Amino acid sequence: MNKKIELIKAEYKDLNTILQMQREAFAGLYEKYGDTDTSPAAENYEDILSRFVQSETTYYFITADGEKVGVIRIVDFKDGAARKRISPIFIMKKYRGIGYAQRAIAKAEEIHGKTNWKLDTILQEKANCYLYEKLGYRQTGETKVINDKMTIVFYEKN
């Protein structure tokens, strides 16, 4: 766990890599929940591109000693009012359970500020909920039922 974690800002030329990594990282959840409408595994290049070109969006590769282990997208309007958002964050399967997501979120908070965040995750994925709660995120009480197996739960951190 003493590998150096960095967030490296993605560039336009990286979009196919991001899409490929995202599809692979979310494939298991896609199969488990059958969510064709909102799953990042079902997205295409145009979906990634449309977010990438938003002035408030920054995609970062999460690297461990220079190796790409995941991706985090930050939405930050930099206006001091709107909540910053993590959507999505993912760690590739072979790198999970090592603490990379936790450290990547901490790095994102160093870059974009430690307060006024929001994110959402799958309520049934208890490890995800635990991670966010451990980092100070609190459920808002808002949920969205996607299908009979999956509910999205919303978090904020002040």
C-alpha atoms as a PDB file:
ATOM      1  CA  MET A   1       0.000   0.000   0.000  1.00  0.00           C
ATOM      2  CA  ASN A   2       2.997   2.311   0.053  1.00  0.00           C
ATOM      3  CA  LYS A   3       2.818   2.788  -3.697  1.00  0.00           C
ATOM      4  CA  LYS A   4       2.697   6.416  -4.747  1.00  0.00           C
ATOM      5  CA  ILE A   5      -0.860   7.337  -5.752  1.00  0.00           C
ATOM      6  CA  GLU A   6      -1.319  10.188  -8.189  1.00  0.00           C
ATOM      7  CA  LEU A   7      -4.173  11.657 -10.170  1.00  0.00           C
ATOM      8  CA  ILE A   8      -3.032  12.340 -13.730  1.00  0.00           C
ATOM      9  CA  LYS A   9      -5.326  14.581 -15.748  1.00  0.00           C
ATOM     10  CA  ALA A  10      -6.666  12.742 -18.789  1.00  0.00           C
ATOM     11  CA  GLU A  11      -6.468  14.263 -22.250  1.00  0.00           C
ATOM     12  CA  TYR A  12      -8.676  13.965 -25.312  1.00  0.00           C
ATOM     13  CA  LYS A  13      -6.413  11.237 -26.713  1.00  0.00           C
ATOM     14  CA  ASP A  14      -7.156   9.129 -23.585  1.00  0.00           C
ATOM     15  CA  LEU A  15     -10.929   8.828 -24.086  1.00  0.00           C
ATOM     16  CA  ASN A  16     -10.844   5.372 -25.709  1.00  0.00           C
ATOM     17  CA  THR A  17      -8.661   4.106 -22.854  1.00  0.00           C
ATOM     18  CA  ILE A  18     -11.084   5.558 -20.295  1.00  0.00           C
ATOM     19  CA  LEU A  19     -14.039   3.950 -22.074  1.00  0.00           C
ATOM     20  CA  GLN A  20     -12.312   0.560 -22.265  1.00  0.00           C
ATOM     21  CA  MET A  21     -11.290   0.675 -18.590  1.00  0.00           C
ATOM     22  CA  GLN A  22     -14.761   1.827 -17.531  1.00  0.00           C
ATOM     23  CA  ARG A  23     -16.535  -0.960 -19.419  1.00  0.00           C
ATOM     24  CA  GLU A  24     -14.215  -3.557 -17.909  1.00  0.00           C
ATOM     25  CA  ALA A  25     -14.434  -2.134 -14.385  1.00  0.00           C
ATOM     26  CA  PHE A  26     -18.247  -1.989 -14.363  1.00  0.00           C
ATOM     27  CA  ALA A  27     -18.892  -5.255 -16.255  1.00  0.00           C
ATOM     28  CA  GLY A  28     -19.503  -7.268 -13.068  1.00  0.00           C
ATOM     29  CA  LEU A  29     -22.056  -4.786 -11.714  1.00  0.00           C
ATOM     30  CA  TYR A  30     -23.718  -4.623 -15.120  1.00  0.00           C
ATOM     31  CA  GLU A  31     -24.135  -8.400 -15.155  1.00  0.00           C
ATOM     32  CA  LYS A  32     -25.267  -8.504 -11.516  1.00  0.00           C
ATOM     33  CA  TYR A  33     -27.938  -5.795 -11.768  1.00  0.00           C
ATOM     34  CA  GLY A  34     -28.887  -5.833 -15.456  1.00  0.00           C
ATOM     35  CA  ASP A  35     -28.991  -2.051 -15.529  1.00  0.00           C
ATOM     36  CA  THR A  36     -28.823  -1.072 -19.179  1.00  0.00           C
ATOM     37  CA  ASP A  37     -30.043   2.512 -18.626  1.00  0.00           C
ATOM     38  CA  THR A  38     -27.521   3.906 -16.144  1.00  0.00           C
ATOM     39  CA  SER A  39     -24.587   1.475 -16.005  1.00  0.00           C
ATOM     40  CA  PRO A  40     -21.223   2.953 -17.004  1.00  0.00           C
ATOM     41  CA  ALA A  41     -20.522  -0.443 -18.622  1.00  0.00           C
ATOM     42  CA  ALA A  42     -23.225   0.307 -21.211  1.00  0.00           C
ATOM     43  CA  GLU A  43     -21.845   3.686 -22.218  1.00  0.00           C
ATOM     44  CA  ASN A  44     -20.225   4.501 -25.545  1.00  0.00           C
ATOM     45  CA  TYR A  45     -17.517   6.864 -26.736  1.00  0.00           C
ATOM     46  CA  GLU A  46     -19.960   9.727 -27.297  1.00  0.00           C
ATOM     47  CA  ASP A  47     -21.111   9.498 -23.640  1.00  0.00           C
ATOM     48  CA  ILE A  48     -17.531   9.898 -22.395  1.00  0.00           C
ATOM     49  CA  LEU A  49     -16.786  12.642 -24.936  1.00  0.00           C
ATOM     50  CA  SER A  50     -19.902  14.650 -24.018  1.00  0.00           C
ATOM     51  CA  ARG A  51     -18.768  14.785 -20.375  1.00  0.00           C
ATOM     52  CA  PHE A  52     -15.090  15.290 -21.175  1.00  0.00           C
ATOM     53  CA  VAL A  53     -15.782  18.514 -23.090  1.00  0.00           C
ATOM     54  CA  GLN A  54     -17.783  20.034 -20.210  1.00  0.00           C
ATOM     55  CA  SER A  55     -15.728  22.873 -18.725  1.00  0.00           C
ATOM     56  CA  GLU A  56     -16.620  21.706 -15.209  1.00  0.00           C
ATOM     57  CA  THR A  57     -15.454  18.113 -15.792  1.00  0.00           C
ATOM     58  CA  THR A  58     -11.981  16.705 -15.228  1.00  0.00           C
ATOM     59  CA  TYR A  59     -11.142  13.050 -15.761  1.00  0.00           C
ATOM     60  CA  TYR A  60      -8.082  11.732 -13.945  1.00  0.00           C
ATOM     61  CA  PHE A  61      -6.279   8.453 -14.239  1.00  0.00           C
ATOM     62  CA  ILE A  62      -5.619   7.011 -10.799  1.00  0.00           C
ATOM     63  CA  THR A  63      -2.046   5.749 -10.909  1.00  0.00           C
ATOM     64  CA  ALA A  64      -0.044   3.655  -8.461  1.00  0.00           C
ATOM     65  CA  ASP A  65       3.687   4.050  -9.065  1.00  0.00           C
ATOM     66  CA  GLY A  66       2.825   5.226 -12.578  1.00  0.00           C
ATOM     67  CA  GLU A  67       0.536   2.288 -13.439  1.00  0.00           C
ATOM     68  CA  LYS A  68      -3.081   3.103 -14.344  1.00  0.00           C
ATOM     69  CA  VAL A  69      -5.261   1.399 -11.725  1.00  0.00           C
ATOM     70  CA  GLY A  70      -8.496   3.332 -12.262  1.00  0.00           C
ATOM     71  CA  VAL A  71     -10.237   6.572 -13.184  1.00  0.00           C
ATOM     72  CA  ILE A  72     -12.066   9.309 -11.299  1.00  0.00           C
ATOM     73  CA  ARG A  73     -14.205  12.020 -12.857  1.00  0.00           C
ATOM     74  CA  ILE A  74     -14.674  15.242 -10.925  1.00  0.00           C
ATOM     75  CA  VAL A  75     -17.378  17.788 -11.695  1.00  0.00           C
ATOM     76  CA  ASP A  76     -16.359  21.130 -10.195  1.00  0.00           C
ATOM     77  CA  PHE A  77     -18.047  24.365 -11.240  1.00  0.00           C
ATOM     78  CA  LYS A  78     -15.470  26.256  -9.138  1.00  0.00           C
ATOM     79  CA  ASP A  79     -18.153  28.727  -8.069  1.00  0.00           C
ATOM     80  CA  GLY A  80     -18.046  27.990  -4.349  1.00  0.00           C
ATOM     81  CA  ALA A  81     -21.768  27.221  -4.324  1.00  0.00           C
ATOM     82  CA  ALA A  82     -22.481  24.111  -6.385  1.00  0.00           C
ATOM     83  CA  ARG A  83     -21.414  20.825  -4.830  1.00  0.00           C
ATOM     84  CA  LYS A  84     -18.466  19.111  -6.455  1.00  0.00           C
ATOM     85  CA  ARG A  85     -19.297  15.628  -7.672  1.00  0.00           C
ATOM     86  CA  ILE A  86     -17.478  12.340  -8.082  1.00  0.00           C
ATOM     87  CA  SER A  87     -19.067  10.475 -10.980  1.00  0.00           C
ATOM     88  CA  PRO A  88     -17.762   7.910 -11.591  1.00  0.00           C
ATOM     89  CA  ILE A  89     -14.784   6.515  -9.746  1.00  0.00           C
ATOM     90  CA  PHE A  90     -13.580   3.025 -10.515  1.00  0.00           C
ATOM     91  CA  ILE A  91     -10.638   0.807  -9.748  1.00  0.00           C
ATOM     92  CA  MET A  92      -9.747  -2.042 -12.068  1.00  0.00           C
ATOM     93  CA  LYS A  93     -10.632  -5.447 -10.618  1.00  0.00           C
ATOM     94  CA  LYS A  94      -7.086  -6.671  -9.959  1.00  0.00           C
ATOM     95  CA  TYR A  95      -6.302  -3.526  -7.919  1.00  0.00           C
ATOM     96  CA  ARG A  96      -9.388  -3.493  -5.698  1.00  0.00           C
ATOM     97  CA  GLY A  97      -9.298  -3.838  -1.941  1.00  0.00           C
ATOM     98  CA  ILE A  98      -5.884  -2.169  -1.590  1.00  0.00           C
ATOM     99  CA  GLY A  99      -7.083   1.318  -0.664  1.00  0.00           C
ATOM    100  CA  TYR A 100      -6.571   3.022  -4.010  1.00  0.00           C
ATOM    101  CA  ALA A 101     -10.110   4.456  -4.215  1.00  0.00           C
ATOM    102  CA  GLN A 102      -9.829   5.928  -0.725  1.00  0.00           C
ATOM    103  CA  ARG A 103      -6.484   7.516  -1.515  1.00  0.00           C
ATOM    104  CA  ALA A 104      -7.707   8.784  -4.904  1.00  0.00           C
ATOM    105  CA  ILE A 105     -10.674  10.521  -3.277  1.00  0.00           C
ATOM    106  CA  ALA A 106      -8.323  12.104  -0.736  1.00  0.00           C
ATOM    107  CA  LYS A 107      -6.161  13.367  -3.618  1.00  0.00           C
ATOM    108  CA  ALA A 108      -9.234  14.737  -5.419  1.00  0.00           C
ATOM    109  CA  GLU A 109     -10.188  16.582  -2.234  1.00  0.00           C
ATOM    110  CA  GLU A 110      -6.657  18.024  -2.010  1.00  0.00           C
ATOM    111  CA  ILE A 111      -6.994  19.356  -5.562  1.00  0.00           C
ATOM    112  CA  HIS A 112     -10.627  20.508  -5.511  1.00  0.00           C
ATOM    113  CA  GLY A 113     -11.227  21.268  -1.817  1.00  0.00           C
ATOM    114  CA  LYS A 114     -12.199  19.096   1.134  1.00  0.00           C
ATOM    115  CA  THR A 115     -15.824  20.247   1.509  1.00  0.00           C
ATOM    116  CA  ASN A 116     -19.074  20.550  -0.438  1.00  0.00           C
ATOM    117  CA  TRP A 117     -19.079  17.198  -2.274  1.00  0.00           C
ATOM    118  CA  LYS A 118     -21.724  14.776  -3.506  1.00  0.00           C
ATOM    119  CA  LEU A 119     -21.777  11.352  -5.077  1.00  0.00           C
ATOM    120  CA  ASP A 120     -24.047   8.360  -5.453  1.00  0.00           C
ATOM    121  CA  THR A 121     -23.605   4.626  -5.457  1.00  0.00           C
ATOM    122  CA  ILE A 122     -25.515   1.369  -5.443  1.00  0.00           C
ATOM    123  CA  LEU A 123     -27.145   0.812  -2.050  1.00  0.00           C
ATOM    124  CA  GLN A 124     -26.712  -2.957  -2.357  1.00  0.00           C
ATOM    125  CA  GLU A 125     -22.920  -2.577  -2.754  1.00  0.00           C
ATOM    126  CA  LYS A 126     -22.104  -2.381   0.948  1.00  0.00           C
ATOM    127  CA  ALA A 127     -18.328  -2.027   0.426  1.00  0.00           C
ATOM    128  CA  ASN A 128     -18.898   1.117  -1.645  1.00  0.00           C
ATOM    129  CA  CYS A 129     -21.233   2.577   0.985  1.00  0.00           C
ATOM    130  CA  TYR A 130     -18.720   1.746   3.722  1.00  0.00           C
ATOM    131  CA  LEU A 131     -15.887   3.425   1.808  1.00  0.00           C
ATOM    132  CA  TYR A 132     -17.775   6.678   1.310  1.00  0.00           C
ATOM    133  CA  GLU A 133     -19.054   6.757   4.881  1.00  0.00           C
ATOM    134  CA  LYS A 134     -15.527   6.117   6.180  1.00  0.00           C
ATOM    135  CA  LEU A 135     -14.407   9.182   4.186  1.00  0.00           C
ATOM    136  CA  GLY A 136     -17.034  11.399   5.802  1.00  0.00           C
ATOM    137  CA  TYR A 137     -19.824  11.181   3.242  1.00  0.00           C
ATOM    138  CA  ARG A 138     -23.334  10.933   4.688  1.00  0.00           C
ATOM    139  CA  GLN A 139     -26.490   9.600   3.072  1.00  0.00           C
ATOM    140  CA  THR A 140     -28.900  12.388   2.155  1.00  0.00           C
ATOM    141  CA  GLY A 141     -31.965  10.176   2.583  1.00  0.00           C
ATOM    142  CA  GLU A 142     -32.648  10.360  -1.149  1.00  0.00           C
ATOM    143  CA  THR A 143     -32.728   7.111  -3.094  1.00  0.00           C
ATOM    144  CA  LYS A 144     -33.684   6.135  -6.629  1.00  0.00           C
ATOM    145  CA  VAL A 145     -34.929   2.645  -7.464  1.00  0.00           C
ATOM    146  CA  ILE A 146     -33.417   1.539 -10.775  1.00  0.00           C
ATOM    147  CA  ASN A 147     -34.919  -1.967 -10.862  1.00  0.00           C
ATOM    148  CA  ASP A 148     -36.026  -4.691  -8.434  1.00  0.00           C
ATOM    149  CA  LYS A 149     -32.376  -5.555  -7.631  1.00  0.00           C
ATOM    150  CA  MET A 150     -30.776  -2.107  -7.522  1.00  0.00           C
ATOM    151  CA  THR A 151     -31.290   1.191  -5.721  1.00  0.00           C
ATOM    152  CA  ILE A 152     -29.063   4.272  -5.997  1.00  0.00           C
ATOM    153  CA  VAL A 153     -28.278   6.053  -2.726  1.00  0.00           C
ATOM    154  CA  PHE A 154     -27.072   9.656  -2.594  1.00  0.00           C
ATOM    155  CA  TYR A 155     -24.286  11.035  -0.394  1.00  0.00           C
ATOM    156  CA  GLU A 156     -22.969  14.456   0.564  1.00  0.00           C
ATOM    157  CA  LYS A 157     -19.917  15.682   2.425  1.00  0.00           C
ATOM    158  CA  ASN A 158     -19.835  19.186   3.849  1.00  0.00           C
END
